[in-house]
């Protein structure tokens, strides 16, 4: 995130993948190998984890936990605090399309 600049950050979940967007743009990333996981039984090549989109086929937040913005509830209390200002928040009951996210973020995209 650039300092002292308004940005639009968005996430969608379609029941299988979480996708993150910055100023209306989705930037896909290939899965990455998790360090120090090679050679374990059943995983000779190691483990990988997905990176944008993030793979969550079992769902998210189905344990009755609170929905948080700007921090996360950890075992020892709140943590991972966001440092900045939030100018607005919207939650939808469906995953928005790439086009919809571009339209919503248009006011935040810097004009050159």
Protein backbone atom coordinates (compact mmCIF):
# COMPACT_ATOMS: atom_id res chain seq x y z
CA UNK A 1 0.00 0.00 0.00
CA UNK A 2 1.44 3.38 -0.90
CA UNK A 3 1.71 5.81 2.01
CA UNK A 4 -0.63 8.84 2.14
CA UNK A 5 -2.74 7.68 -0.78
CA UNK A 6 -6.33 6.41 -0.82
CA UNK A 7 -6.61 2.90 -2.24
CA UNK A 8 -9.37 0.40 -2.78
CA UNK A 9 -8.75 -3.10 -1.46
CA UNK A 10 -11.31 -5.82 -2.13
CA UNK A 11 -11.70 -9.54 -1.58
CA UNK A 12 -14.17 -11.96 -3.12
CA UNK A 13 -15.06 -15.53 -2.24
CA UNK A 14 -16.88 -17.74 -4.72
CA UNK A 15 -17.19 -20.85 -2.54
CA UNK A 16 -13.80 -22.19 -3.59
CA UNK A 17 -11.32 -19.33 -3.98
CA UNK A 18 -10.63 -16.02 -2.26
CA UNK A 19 -9.33 -13.39 -4.66
CA UNK A 20 -7.73 -10.13 -3.59
CA UNK A 21 -7.93 -6.95 -5.66
CA UNK A 22 -5.99 -3.70 -5.39
CA UNK A 23 -7.55 -0.62 -7.00
CA UNK A 24 -9.85 -2.85 -9.04
CA UNK A 25 -7.13 -5.12 -10.41
CA UNK A 26 -6.73 -8.82 -9.72
CA UNK A 27 -3.15 -9.99 -9.98
CA UNK A 28 -2.87 -13.77 -10.10
CA UNK A 29 0.12 -15.38 -8.41
CA UNK A 30 1.32 -18.93 -8.86
CA UNK A 31 1.37 -21.29 -5.88
CA UNK A 32 4.61 -21.23 -3.87
CA UNK A 33 6.46 -24.02 -2.16
CA UNK A 34 6.46 -23.87 1.62
CA UNK A 35 10.06 -23.78 2.86
CA UNK A 36 11.52 -26.81 4.64
CA UNK A 37 8.73 -29.21 3.63
CA UNK A 38 10.59 -31.42 1.15
CA UNK A 39 11.20 -35.08 1.94
CA UNK A 40 8.40 -35.83 4.37
CA UNK A 41 6.46 -39.09 4.01
CA UNK A 42 3.96 -38.68 1.22
CA UNK A 43 5.40 -35.28 0.23
CA UNK A 44 8.79 -35.92 -1.40
CA UNK A 45 8.56 -32.64 -3.35
CA UNK A 46 7.25 -30.65 -0.37
CA UNK A 47 4.03 -28.73 0.17
CA UNK A 48 2.76 -25.72 -1.73
CA UNK A 49 0.20 -23.09 -0.80
CA UNK A 50 -1.91 -21.06 -3.16
CA UNK A 51 -1.36 -17.34 -3.62
CA UNK A 52 -4.10 -15.18 -5.15
CA UNK A 53 -6.36 -16.90 -5.72
CA UNK A 54 -6.25 -18.56 -2.32
CA UNK A 55 -7.81 -22.03 -2.30
CA UNK A 56 -10.52 -22.54 0.36
CA UNK A 57 -12.78 -25.38 -0.89
CA UNK A 58 -14.05 -26.16 2.62
CA UNK A 59 -15.45 -22.67 3.17
CA UNK A 60 -14.34 -19.75 5.32
CA UNK A 61 -15.54 -18.59 8.71
CA UNK A 62 -17.93 -21.48 9.32
CA UNK A 63 -16.89 -21.82 12.97
CA UNK A 64 -19.14 -19.07 14.30
CA UNK A 65 -16.31 -16.59 14.74
CA UNK A 66 -16.80 -12.84 14.56
CA UNK A 67 -16.23 -10.94 11.34
CA UNK A 68 -13.42 -8.45 11.89
CA UNK A 69 -12.00 -5.59 9.84
CA UNK A 70 -8.65 -4.01 10.65
CA UNK A 71 -7.56 -6.68 13.14
CA UNK A 72 -7.94 -10.36 13.81
CA UNK A 73 -8.93 -12.20 16.98
CA UNK A 74 -6.02 -14.37 18.08
CA UNK A 75 -5.90 -16.81 21.01
CA UNK A 76 -4.35 -14.13 23.21
CA UNK A 77 -6.68 -11.30 22.09
CA UNK A 78 -6.79 -8.97 19.12
CA UNK A 79 -3.73 -8.62 16.88
CA UNK A 80 -2.43 -7.80 13.38
CA UNK A 81 -3.74 -4.25 13.68
CA UNK A 82 -4.30 -2.18 10.54
CA UNK A 83 -2.52 1.16 10.66
CA UNK A 84 -4.31 3.73 8.56
CA UNK A 85 -7.78 5.05 7.88
CA UNK A 86 -10.76 3.25 6.42
CA UNK A 87 -12.97 5.53 4.37
CA UNK A 88 -15.74 3.04 3.72
CA UNK A 89 -16.69 -0.60 3.99
CA UNK A 90 -19.14 -2.64 1.95
CA UNK A 91 -20.06 -6.30 2.29
CA UNK A 92 -22.00 -8.09 -0.44
CA UNK A 93 -23.85 -11.39 -0.38
CA UNK A 94 -22.07 -12.64 -3.50
CA UNK A 95 -18.68 -12.46 -5.18
CA UNK A 96 -18.52 -9.36 -7.36
CA UNK A 97 -17.23 -9.64 -10.92
CA UNK A 98 -13.96 -8.12 -12.14
CA UNK A 99 -15.98 -5.46 -13.97
CA UNK A 100 -17.98 -4.54 -10.85
CA UNK A 101 -14.82 -4.25 -8.77
CA UNK A 102 -13.18 -2.01 -11.38
CA UNK A 103 -16.25 0.24 -11.35
CA UNK A 104 -16.33 0.44 -7.55
CA UNK A 105 -12.63 1.23 -7.33
CA UNK A 106 -12.53 3.80 -10.17
CA UNK A 107 -12.62 6.83 -7.82
CA UNK A 108 -9.51 5.52 -6.01
CA UNK A 109 -7.31 4.72 -9.01
CA UNK A 110 -4.64 7.43 -9.33
CA UNK A 111 -4.95 9.50 -12.49
CA UNK A 112 -1.60 10.15 -14.22
